[in-house]
Amino acid sequence: MPDHKQDQNDEQDQDREQGQGQLRVPRSGWATQTGVFLAFAFLTAGLCGALQPATGIPPEVLQLTQFGPALAVAAVALLWPRRIRDRLAGTLPARSKGPADHEARPPSGNRAALLLTPALITALSAGGALLVSGSLPVTSPQAFAHPLTLLVTAQLIGACAEEIGWRCYLQPLLRTRFGPVTASVLVGTAWGLWHVPVLTQEPVYAAGFLTATVAMSVILGLALERVRSNRLLLAGGFHTLVNLGMLFVTDETSPATAPMAVFGAACLAAALPWIASARRAPTTPDRITAATADGPR
């Protein structure tokens, strides 16, 4: 069936379900859309990486590979133009339209907690470094060849270029099929594997990095679960703050195994309160239900 006809049918189904008090995101073709997105994300990242030297932009300022997920979203939008809007808005698989709907909105403190969590990750990483090596690696901004303002701006641009794909597109897409934690783990795994050069390091290094990306993905997935606005800035801000913490306060960017293992453990420890909070959250009429016969996993 042509995509535009399928989209029209999906919209008609949505209209009927809205009349019954439900808004359901179309779930058909989620695997195909995921596959297309990931293929473009990996391929375009490799292409951008190959073009990096020709641009003259120093990699420490901005790595063009970070634009792979954003370009993949653009490719998907050309194939499924109507469905992309719901994904980028963070629309959930099912949402009730009842008087208690306001009770299911995310607490405003979640957003502040999300942007404070990178400080916790950095502090835990620094504390772990003290225990492991007996010293705290701190890099002064003056040690870099570029102004601090440029580094921060470039980090934010690069982080948002990634997060428009990981948290603004892929997370809502997988939420049409899986529960929030499972979807977050899958996104975090793809996010970690997307950093292909990391996998060429020692197994403990690669395991620490994958642990970090999965843990941070769970934090972001749970924090943004019902957020309908500023999703990109929140995810990009979290990503940027973590990167800056790694850059200035920890030694995670070195090829040494111990700092990466400590960083992965710090991210995992920071994710535990978010998981515990999600498990304690009261069930409301607005709870998320995966659009499958077997229910959420």
C-alpha atoms as a PDB file:
ATOM      1  CA  MET A   1       0.000   0.000   0.000  1.00  0.00           C
ATOM      2  CA  PRO A   2       1.428   3.440  -0.881  1.00  0.00           C
ATOM      3  CA  ASP A   3       2.625   5.329   2.155  1.00  0.00           C
ATOM      4  CA  HIS A   4       0.274   8.285   1.711  1.00  0.00           C
ATOM      5  CA  LYS A   5      -2.767   5.976   1.629  1.00  0.00           C
ATOM      6  CA  GLN A   6      -1.520   4.146   4.704  1.00  0.00           C
ATOM      7  CA  ASP A   7      -1.025   7.485   6.452  1.00  0.00           C
ATOM      8  CA  GLN A   8      -4.601   8.493   5.588  1.00  0.00           C
ATOM      9  CA  ASN A   9      -5.903   5.236   7.046  1.00  0.00           C
ATOM     10  CA  ASP A  10      -3.791   5.756  10.149  1.00  0.00           C
ATOM     11  CA  GLU A  11      -5.174   9.255  10.594  1.00  0.00           C
ATOM     12  CA  GLN A  12      -8.736   7.967  10.218  1.00  0.00           C
ATOM     13  CA  ASP A  13      -8.018   5.353  12.887  1.00  0.00           C
ATOM     14  CA  GLN A  14      -6.644   8.066  15.122  1.00  0.00           C
ATOM     15  CA  ASP A  15      -9.765  10.193  14.631  1.00  0.00           C
ATOM     16  CA  ARG A  16     -12.002   7.269  15.601  1.00  0.00           C
ATOM     17  CA  GLU A  17      -9.902   6.493  18.652  1.00  0.00           C
ATOM     18  CA  GLN A  18      -9.849  10.143  19.702  1.00  0.00           C
ATOM     19  CA  GLY A  19     -13.627  10.101  19.661  1.00  0.00           C
ATOM     20  CA  GLN A  20     -13.454   7.167  22.074  1.00  0.00           C
ATOM     21  CA  GLY A  21     -11.084   9.074  24.382  1.00  0.00           C
ATOM     22  CA  GLN A  22      -7.873   7.487  23.105  1.00  0.00           C
ATOM     23  CA  LEU A  23      -4.989   8.677  20.977  1.00  0.00           C
ATOM     24  CA  ARG A  24      -3.075   5.808  19.449  1.00  0.00           C
ATOM     25  CA  VAL A  25       0.087   6.190  17.412  1.00  0.00           C
ATOM     26  CA  PRO A  26       0.239   3.945  14.327  1.00  0.00           C
ATOM     27  CA  ARG A  27       2.460   0.991  15.076  1.00  0.00           C
ATOM     28  CA  SER A  28       2.628  -0.573  11.621  1.00  0.00           C
ATOM     29  CA  GLY A  29       6.058  -0.761  10.069  1.00  0.00           C
ATOM     30  CA  TRP A  30       7.996   0.139  13.235  1.00  0.00           C
ATOM     31  CA  ALA A  31      10.695  -2.426  12.441  1.00  0.00           C
ATOM     32  CA  THR A  32      11.138  -1.085   8.900  1.00  0.00           C
ATOM     33  CA  GLN A  33      11.345   2.502  10.113  1.00  0.00           C
ATOM     34  CA  THR A  34      13.860   1.492  12.791  1.00  0.00           C
ATOM     35  CA  GLY A  35      15.989  -0.367  10.258  1.00  0.00           C
ATOM     36  CA  VAL A  36      15.987   2.530   7.795  1.00  0.00           C
ATOM     37  CA  PHE A  37      16.880   5.010  10.529  1.00  0.00           C
ATOM     38  CA  LEU A  38      19.760   2.928  11.894  1.00  0.00           C
ATOM     39  CA  ALA A  39      21.145   2.173   8.433  1.00  0.00           C
ATOM     40  CA  PHE A  40      21.209   5.858   7.516  1.00  0.00           C
ATOM     41  CA  ALA A  41      22.574   6.845  10.949  1.00  0.00           C
ATOM     42  CA  PHE A  42      25.561   4.512  10.615  1.00  0.00           C
ATOM     43  CA  LEU A  43      26.223   5.169   6.920  1.00  0.00           C
ATOM     44  CA  THR A  44      25.950   8.952   7.088  1.00  0.00           C
ATOM     45  CA  ALA A  45      28.101   9.061  10.222  1.00  0.00           C
ATOM     46  CA  GLY A  46      30.816   7.139   8.374  1.00  0.00           C
ATOM     47  CA  LEU A  47      30.534   9.443   5.368  1.00  0.00           C
ATOM     48  CA  CYS A  48      30.680  12.570   7.537  1.00  0.00           C
ATOM     49  CA  GLY A  49      33.686  11.174   9.363  1.00  0.00           C
ATOM     50  CA  ALA A  50      35.473  10.626   6.058  1.00  0.00           C
ATOM     51  CA  LEU A  51      34.696  14.214   5.015  1.00  0.00           C
ATOM     52  CA  GLN A  52      35.866  15.704   8.340  1.00  0.00           C
ATOM     53  CA  PRO A  53      39.508  16.325   7.278  1.00  0.00           C
ATOM     54  CA  ALA A  54      38.444  18.136   4.116  1.00  0.00           C
ATOM     55  CA  THR A  55      36.315  20.634   6.056  1.00  0.00           C
ATOM     56  CA  GLY A  56      39.157  21.939   8.180  1.00  0.00           C
ATOM     57  CA  ILE A  57      36.978  21.750  11.311  1.00  0.00           C
ATOM     58  CA  PRO A  58      39.090  20.299  14.145  1.00  0.00           C
ATOM     59  CA  PRO A  59      37.490  17.131  15.553  1.00  0.00           C
ATOM     60  CA  GLU A  60      37.923  18.452  19.094  1.00  0.00           C
ATOM     61  CA  VAL A  61      35.599  21.337  18.147  1.00  0.00           C
ATOM     62  CA  LEU A  62      32.915  19.434  16.258  1.00  0.00           C
ATOM     63  CA  GLN A  63      32.908  15.922  14.868  1.00  0.00           C
ATOM     64  CA  LEU A  64      30.760  15.698  11.750  1.00  0.00           C
ATOM     65  CA  THR A  65      29.857  12.113  12.634  1.00  0.00           C
ATOM     66  CA  GLN A  66      27.485  13.547  15.240  1.00  0.00           C
ATOM     67  CA  PHE A  67      25.191  14.653  12.423  1.00  0.00           C
ATOM     68  CA  GLY A  68      24.562  11.043  11.351  1.00  0.00           C
ATOM     69  CA  PRO A  69      21.352  10.607  13.422  1.00  0.00           C
ATOM     70  CA  ALA A  70      19.975  13.982  12.312  1.00  0.00           C
ATOM     71  CA  LEU A  71      20.530  13.107   8.654  1.00  0.00           C
ATOM     72  CA  ALA A  72      18.908   9.718   9.267  1.00  0.00           C
ATOM     73  CA  VAL A  73      15.810  11.453  10.663  1.00  0.00           C
ATOM     74  CA  ALA A  74      15.688  13.609   7.543  1.00  0.00           C
ATOM     75  CA  ALA A  75      15.826  10.488   5.363  1.00  0.00           C
ATOM     76  CA  VAL A  76      13.027   8.834   7.332  1.00  0.00           C
ATOM     77  CA  ALA A  77      10.949  12.008   7.110  1.00  0.00           C
ATOM     78  CA  LEU A  78      11.120  11.806   3.320  1.00  0.00           C
ATOM     79  CA  LEU A  79       9.767   8.259   3.399  1.00  0.00           C
ATOM     80  CA  TRP A  80       7.143   8.717   6.150  1.00  0.00           C
ATOM     81  CA  PRO A  81       6.404  12.457   6.214  1.00  0.00           C
ATOM     82  CA  ARG A  82       3.189  12.275   8.243  1.00  0.00           C
ATOM     83  CA  ARG A  83       4.386   9.892  10.913  1.00  0.00           C
ATOM     84  CA  ILE A  84       7.541  11.853  11.711  1.00  0.00           C
ATOM     85  CA  ARG A  85       5.540  14.592  13.428  1.00  0.00           C
ATOM     86  CA  ASP A  86       4.243  12.320  16.170  1.00  0.00           C
ATOM     87  CA  ARG A  87       7.669  10.835  16.754  1.00  0.00           C
ATOM     88  CA  LEU A  88       9.446  14.169  17.154  1.00  0.00           C
ATOM     89  CA  ALA A  89       6.663  15.412  19.429  1.00  0.00           C
ATOM     90  CA  GLY A  90       7.214  12.408  21.675  1.00  0.00           C
ATOM     91  CA  THR A  91       3.674  11.111  21.273  1.00  0.00           C
ATOM     92  CA  LEU A  92       3.115   7.942  23.249  1.00  0.00           C
ATOM     93  CA  PRO A  93       1.414   4.743  22.072  1.00  0.00           C
ATOM     94  CA  ALA A  94      -1.771   5.415  24.048  1.00  0.00           C
ATOM     95  CA  ARG A  95      -2.953   8.363  26.098  1.00  0.00           C
ATOM     96  CA  SER A  96      -6.281   8.750  27.833  1.00  0.00           C
ATOM     97  CA  LYS A  97      -8.234  11.982  27.570  1.00  0.00           C
ATOM     98  CA  GLY A  98      -9.875  12.043  30.955  1.00  0.00           C
ATOM     99  CA  PRO A  99     -10.186  14.508  33.825  1.00  0.00           C
ATOM    100  CA  ALA A 100      -7.160  12.932  35.502  1.00  0.00           C
ATOM    101  CA  ASP A 101      -4.956  13.555  32.480  1.00  0.00           C
ATOM    102  CA  HIS A 102      -3.118  16.386  34.223  1.00  0.00           C
ATOM    103  CA  GLU A 103      -2.072  13.984  36.980  1.00  0.00           C
ATOM    104  CA  ALA A 104      -0.076  11.936  34.500  1.00  0.00           C
ATOM    105  CA  ARG A 105       2.036  14.793  33.277  1.00  0.00           C
ATOM    106  CA  PRO A 106       5.697  14.629  34.307  1.00  0.00           C
ATOM    107  CA  PRO A 107       6.552  16.543  37.491  1.00  0.00           C
ATOM    108  CA  SER A 108       8.309  19.802  36.671  1.00  0.00           C
ATOM    109  CA  GLY A 109      11.145  18.654  38.941  1.00  0.00           C
ATOM    110  CA  ASN A 110      11.960  15.869  36.482  1.00  0.00           C
ATOM    111  CA  ARG A 111      13.417  18.362  34.038  1.00  0.00           C
ATOM    112  CA  ALA A 112      15.613  19.988  36.677  1.00  0.00           C
ATOM    113  CA  ALA A 113      16.673  16.562  37.967  1.00  0.00           C
ATOM    114  CA  LEU A 114      17.599  15.502  34.439  1.00  0.00           C
ATOM    115  CA  LEU A 115      19.922  18.482  33.977  1.00  0.00           C
ATOM    116  CA  LEU A 116      21.443  17.946  37.440  1.00  0.00           C
ATOM    117  CA  THR A 117      22.159  14.262  36.844  1.00  0.00           C
ATOM    118  CA  PRO A 118      25.284  14.966  34.707  1.00  0.00           C
ATOM    119  CA  ALA A 119      26.800  16.664  37.769  1.00  0.00           C
ATOM    120  CA  LEU A 120      26.160  13.471  39.741  1.00  0.00           C
ATOM    121  CA  ILE A 121      27.739  11.348  36.992  1.00  0.00           C
ATOM    122  CA  THR A 122      30.784  13.630  36.893  1.00  0.00           C
ATOM    123  CA  ALA A 123      31.121  13.601  40.693  1.00  0.00           C
ATOM    124  CA  LEU A 124      30.864   9.809  40.838  1.00  0.00           C
ATOM    125  CA  SER A 125      33.404   9.471  38.023  1.00  0.00           C
ATOM    126  CA  ALA A 126      35.803  11.820  39.801  1.00  0.00           C
ATOM    127  CA  GLY A 127      35.350   9.971  43.086  1.00  0.00           C
ATOM    128  CA  GLY A 128      35.948   6.655  41.344  1.00  0.00           C
ATOM    129  CA  ALA A 129      39.119   8.035  39.773  1.00  0.00           C
ATOM    130  CA  LEU A 130      40.377   9.036  43.218  1.00  0.00           C
ATOM    131  CA  LEU A 131      39.765   5.532  44.536  1.00  0.00           C
ATOM    132  CA  VAL A 132      41.326   3.775  41.541  1.00  0.00           C
ATOM    133  CA  SER A 133      44.349   5.994  40.832  1.00  0.00           C
ATOM    134  CA  GLY A 134      44.640   8.186  43.891  1.00  0.00           C
ATOM    135  CA  SER A 135      44.507  11.350  41.807  1.00  0.00           C
ATOM    136  CA  LEU A 136      41.817  13.567  40.321  1.00  0.00           C
ATOM    137  CA  PRO A 137      42.430  14.507  36.669  1.00  0.00           C
ATOM    138  CA  VAL A 138      41.222  18.054  36.069  1.00  0.00           C
ATOM    139  CA  THR A 139      41.785  19.870  32.769  1.00  0.00           C
ATOM    140  CA  SER A 140      41.843  23.659  32.760  1.00  0.00           C
ATOM    141  CA  PRO A 141      39.868  25.399  29.975  1.00  0.00           C
ATOM    142  CA  GLN A 142      43.063  27.295  29.181  1.00  0.00           C
ATOM    143  CA  ALA A 143      44.684  24.001  28.196  1.00  0.00           C
ATOM    144  CA  PHE A 144      42.561  23.792  25.053  1.00  0.00           C
ATOM    145  CA  ALA A 145      43.461  25.517  21.792  1.00  0.00           C
ATOM    146  CA  HIS A 146      39.917  26.878  21.376  1.00  0.00           C
ATOM    147  CA  PRO A 147      37.868  29.322  23.481  1.00  0.00           C
ATOM    148  CA  LEU A 148      35.558  27.824  26.092  1.00  0.00           C
ATOM    149  CA  THR A 149      32.515  29.475  24.482  1.00  0.00           C
ATOM    150  CA  LEU A 150      33.282  27.782  21.176  1.00  0.00           C
ATOM    151  CA  LEU A 151      33.747  24.390  22.827  1.00  0.00           C
ATOM    152  CA  VAL A 152      30.462  24.631  24.748  1.00  0.00           C
ATOM    153  CA  THR A 153      28.534  25.818  21.677  1.00  0.00           C
ATOM    154  CA  ALA A 154      30.007  23.077  19.496  1.00  0.00           C
ATOM    155  CA  GLN A 155      29.249  20.449  22.138  1.00  0.00           C
ATOM    156  CA  LEU A 156      25.600  21.571  22.295  1.00  0.00           C
ATOM    157  CA  ILE A 157      25.221  21.580  18.509  1.00  0.00           C
ATOM    158  CA  GLY A 158      26.760  18.128  18.190  1.00  0.00           C
ATOM    159  CA  ALA A 159      24.749  16.705  21.083  1.00  0.00           C
ATOM    160  CA  CYS A 160      21.466  18.019  19.651  1.00  0.00           C
ATOM    161  CA  ALA A 161      22.378  16.600  16.238  1.00  0.00           C
ATOM    162  CA  GLU A 162      22.621  13.182  17.890  1.00  0.00           C
ATOM    163  CA  GLU A 163      19.642  13.517  20.216  1.00  0.00           C
ATOM    164  CA  ILE A 164      17.168  14.457  17.505  1.00  0.00           C
ATOM    165  CA  GLY A 165      17.745  10.905  16.303  1.00  0.00           C
ATOM    166  CA  TRP A 166      18.169   8.943  19.517  1.00  0.00           C
ATOM    167  CA  ARG A 167      15.710  10.475  21.954  1.00  0.00           C
ATOM    168  CA  CYS A 168      13.415  12.557  19.725  1.00  0.00           C
ATOM    169  CA  TYR A 169      12.861   9.939  17.010  1.00  0.00           C
ATOM    170  CA  LEU A 170      14.032   6.428  17.871  1.00  0.00           C
ATOM    171  CA  GLN A 171      12.840   6.402  21.499  1.00  0.00           C
ATOM    172  CA  PRO A 172       9.204   7.354  20.671  1.00  0.00           C
ATOM    173  CA  LEU A 173       9.262   4.951  17.719  1.00  0.00           C
ATOM    174  CA  LEU A 174      10.323   1.982  19.853  1.00  0.00           C
ATOM    175  CA  ARG A 175       7.816   3.036  22.531  1.00  0.00           C
ATOM    176  CA  THR A 176       5.055   2.082  20.110  1.00  0.00           C
ATOM    177  CA  ARG A 177       6.204  -1.508  20.588  1.00  0.00           C
ATOM    178  CA  PHE A 178       8.066  -1.754  23.927  1.00  0.00           C
ATOM    179  CA  GLY A 179       7.810  -0.441  27.465  1.00  0.00           C
ATOM    180  CA  PRO A 180       9.863   2.609  28.531  1.00  0.00           C
ATOM    181  CA  VAL A 181      12.819   0.771  30.062  1.00  0.00           C
ATOM    182  CA  THR A 182      13.103  -1.803  27.280  1.00  0.00           C
ATOM    183  CA  ALA A 183      12.886   0.909  24.613  1.00  0.00           C
ATOM    184  CA  SER A 184      15.536   2.945  26.444  1.00  0.00           C
ATOM    185  CA  VAL A 185      17.888  -0.037  26.696  1.00  0.00           C
ATOM    186  CA  LEU A 186      17.510  -0.735  22.971  1.00  0.00           C
ATOM    187  CA  VAL A 187      18.184   2.919  22.088  1.00  0.00           C
ATOM    188  CA  GLY A 188      21.188   2.992  24.430  1.00  0.00           C
ATOM    189  CA  THR A 189      22.597  -0.161  22.850  1.00  0.00           C
ATOM    190  CA  ALA A 190      22.245   1.286  19.349  1.00  0.00           C
ATOM    191  CA  TRP A 191      23.751   4.556  20.580  1.00  0.00           C
ATOM    192  CA  GLY A 192      26.759   2.708  22.021  1.00  0.00           C
ATOM    193  CA  LEU A 193      27.302   0.505  18.968  1.00  0.00           C
ATOM    194  CA  TRP A 194      27.040   3.610  16.775  1.00  0.00           C
ATOM    195  CA  HIS A 195      30.384   4.708  18.283  1.00  0.00           C
ATOM    196  CA  VAL A 196      32.121   2.043  16.205  1.00  0.00           C
ATOM    197  CA  PRO A 197      35.747   2.997  17.085  1.00  0.00           C
ATOM    198  CA  VAL A 198      35.023   2.339  20.757  1.00  0.00           C
ATOM    199  CA  LEU A 199      34.441  -1.324  19.954  1.00  0.00           C
ATOM    200  CA  THR A 200      38.033  -1.654  18.742  1.00  0.00           C
ATOM    201  CA  GLN A 201      39.304  -0.972  22.276  1.00  0.00           C
ATOM    202  CA  GLU A 202      39.826  -3.594  24.961  1.00  0.00           C
ATOM    203  CA  PRO A 203      36.689  -5.554  25.975  1.00  0.00           C
ATOM    204  CA  VAL A 204      36.511  -3.921  29.424  1.00  0.00           C
ATOM    205  CA  TYR A 205      36.732  -0.470  27.827  1.00  0.00           C
ATOM    206  CA  ALA A 206      33.985  -1.277  25.318  1.00  0.00           C
ATOM    207  CA  ALA A 207      31.816  -2.833  28.039  1.00  0.00           C
ATOM    208  CA  GLY A 208      32.222   0.268  30.213  1.00  0.00           C
ATOM    209  CA  PHE A 209      31.223   2.520  27.333  1.00  0.00           C
ATOM    210  CA  LEU A 210      28.168   0.421  26.424  1.00  0.00           C
ATOM    211  CA  THR A 211      27.134   0.365  30.087  1.00  0.00           C
ATOM    212  CA  ALA A 212      27.356   4.156  30.125  1.00  0.00           C
ATOM    213  CA  THR A 213      25.285   4.669  26.970  1.00  0.00           C
ATOM    214  CA  VAL A 214      22.579   2.236  28.084  1.00  0.00           C
ATOM    215  CA  ALA A 215      22.402   3.754  31.581  1.00  0.00           C
ATOM    216  CA  MET A 216      22.241   7.318  30.240  1.00  0.00           C
ATOM    217  CA  SER A 217      19.613   6.242  27.714  1.00  0.00           C
ATOM    218  CA  VAL A 218      17.466   4.838  30.534  1.00  0.00           C
ATOM    219  CA  ILE A 219      17.798   8.132  32.426  1.00  0.00           C
ATOM    220  CA  LEU A 220      16.785  10.129  29.362  1.00  0.00           C
ATOM    221  CA  GLY A 221      14.001   7.746  28.389  1.00  0.00           C
ATOM    222  CA  LEU A 222      12.378   7.851  31.824  1.00  0.00           C
ATOM    223  CA  ALA A 223      12.877  11.596  32.260  1.00  0.00           C
ATOM    224  CA  LEU A 224      11.324  12.404  28.862  1.00  0.00           C
ATOM    225  CA  GLU A 225       8.588   9.756  29.048  1.00  0.00           C
ATOM    226  CA  ARG A 226       5.672  12.203  28.900  1.00  0.00           C
ATOM    227  CA  VAL A 227       7.469  15.401  27.925  1.00  0.00           C
ATOM    228  CA  ARG A 228       5.798  17.033  24.918  1.00  0.00           C
ATOM    229  CA  SER A 229       7.912  20.191  24.553  1.00  0.00           C
ATOM    230  CA  ASN A 230      11.600  21.114  24.566  1.00  0.00           C
ATOM    231  CA  ARG A 231      12.563  17.427  24.314  1.00  0.00           C
ATOM    232  CA  LEU A 232      15.528  18.185  22.067  1.00  0.00           C
ATOM    233  CA  LEU A 233      16.942  20.917  24.308  1.00  0.00           C
ATOM    234  CA  LEU A 234      16.536  18.756  27.419  1.00  0.00           C
ATOM    235  CA  ALA A 235      18.187  15.715  25.838  1.00  0.00           C
ATOM    236  CA  GLY A 236      20.854  17.830  24.146  1.00  0.00           C
ATOM    237  CA  GLY A 237      21.517  19.738  27.363  1.00  0.00           C
ATOM    238  CA  PHE A 238      21.979  16.509  29.332  1.00  0.00           C
ATOM    239  CA  HIS A 239      24.260  15.102  26.632  1.00  0.00           C
ATOM    240  CA  THR A 240      26.309  18.313  26.495  1.00  0.00           C
ATOM    241  CA  LEU A 241      26.766  18.523  30.264  1.00  0.00           C
ATOM    242  CA  VAL A 242      27.953  14.901  30.403  1.00  0.00           C
ATOM    243  CA  ASN A 243      30.425  15.544  27.593  1.00  0.00           C
ATOM    244  CA  LEU A 244      31.754  18.664  29.286  1.00  0.00           C
ATOM    245  CA  GLY A 245      32.146  16.805  32.552  1.00  0.00           C
ATOM    246  CA  MET A 246      34.107  14.102  30.732  1.00  0.00           C
ATOM    247  CA  LEU A 247      36.213  16.769  29.044  1.00  0.00           C
ATOM    248  CA  PHE A 248      37.157  18.912  32.025  1.00  0.00           C
ATOM    249  CA  VAL A 249      36.814  16.864  35.203  1.00  0.00           C
ATOM    250  CA  THR A 250      37.414  13.211  34.348  1.00  0.00           C
ATOM    251  CA  ASP A 251      39.947  11.273  32.325  1.00  0.00           C
ATOM    252  CA  GLU A 252      37.293   9.316  30.432  1.00  0.00           C
ATOM    253  CA  THR A 253      38.511  10.542  27.042  1.00  0.00           C
ATOM    254  CA  SER A 254      41.836   8.701  27.412  1.00  0.00           C
ATOM    255  CA  PRO A 255      42.221   5.203  25.933  1.00  0.00           C
ATOM    256  CA  ALA A 256      42.913   3.797  29.415  1.00  0.00           C
ATOM    257  CA  THR A 257      40.474   1.108  30.507  1.00  0.00           C
ATOM    258  CA  ALA A 258      40.009   2.085  34.158  1.00  0.00           C
ATOM    259  CA  PRO A 259      38.527   5.582  33.570  1.00  0.00           C
ATOM    260  CA  MET A 260      35.954   4.203  31.131  1.00  0.00           C
ATOM    261  CA  ALA A 261      34.986   1.392  33.491  1.00  0.00           C
ATOM    262  CA  VAL A 262      34.569   3.947  36.280  1.00  0.00           C
ATOM    263  CA  PHE A 263      32.508   6.186  33.981  1.00  0.00           C
ATOM    264  CA  GLY A 264      30.207   3.284  33.065  1.00  0.00           C
ATOM    265  CA  ALA A 265      29.733   2.409  36.736  1.00  0.00           C
ATOM    266  CA  ALA A 266      28.990   6.072  37.547  1.00  0.00           C
ATOM    267  CA  CYS A 267      26.309   6.259  34.846  1.00  0.00           C
ATOM    268  CA  LEU A 268      24.756   3.015  36.079  1.00  0.00           C
ATOM    269  CA  ALA A 269      24.680   4.295  39.673  1.00  0.00           C
ATOM    270  CA  ALA A 270      23.066   7.553  38.511  1.00  0.00           C
ATOM    271  CA  ALA A 271      20.383   5.601  36.625  1.00  0.00           C
ATOM    272  CA  LEU A 272      19.273   3.539  39.641  1.00  0.00           C
ATOM    273  CA  PRO A 273      17.299   6.363  41.346  1.00  0.00           C
ATOM    274  CA  TRP A 274      15.438   7.023  38.086  1.00  0.00           C
ATOM    275  CA  ILE A 275      14.525   3.352  37.744  1.00  0.00           C
ATOM    276  CA  ALA A 276      13.430   3.163  41.392  1.00  0.00           C
ATOM    277  CA  SER A 277      11.337   6.314  40.992  1.00  0.00           C
ATOM    278  CA  ALA A 278       9.666   4.937  37.867  1.00  0.00           C
ATOM    279  CA  ARG A 279       8.787   1.709  39.689  1.00  0.00           C
ATOM    280  CA  ARG A 280       7.230   3.670  42.574  1.00  0.00           C
ATOM    281  CA  ALA A 281       5.185   5.924  40.285  1.00  0.00           C
ATOM    282  CA  PRO A 282       1.441   5.440  40.908  1.00  0.00           C
ATOM    283  CA  THR A 283      -0.667   3.979  38.145  1.00  0.00           C
ATOM    284  CA  THR A 284      -2.869   6.603  36.525  1.00  0.00           C
ATOM    285  CA  PRO A 285      -5.455   6.550  33.712  1.00  0.00           C
ATOM    286  CA  ASP A 286      -2.683   8.000  31.545  1.00  0.00           C
ATOM    287  CA  ARG A 287      -0.347   5.049  31.959  1.00  0.00           C
ATOM    288  CA  ILE A 288       1.487   3.891  28.879  1.00  0.00           C
ATOM    289  CA  THR A 289       0.368   0.713  27.170  1.00  0.00           C
ATOM    290  CA  ALA A 290       2.306  -0.767  24.293  1.00  0.00           C
ATOM    291  CA  ALA A 291       0.228  -1.236  21.182  1.00  0.00           C
ATOM    292  CA  THR A 292       0.528  -5.012  21.117  1.00  0.00           C
ATOM    293  CA  ALA A 293      -1.624  -7.881  22.185  1.00  0.00           C
ATOM    294  CA  ASP A 294       0.946  -9.056  24.732  1.00  0.00           C
ATOM    295  CA  GLY A 295       1.146  -5.698  26.534  1.00  0.00           C
ATOM    296  CA  PRO A 296       4.235  -3.730  27.507  1.00  0.00           C
ATOM    297  CA  ARG A 297       7.494  -5.500  28.247  1.00  0.00           C
END
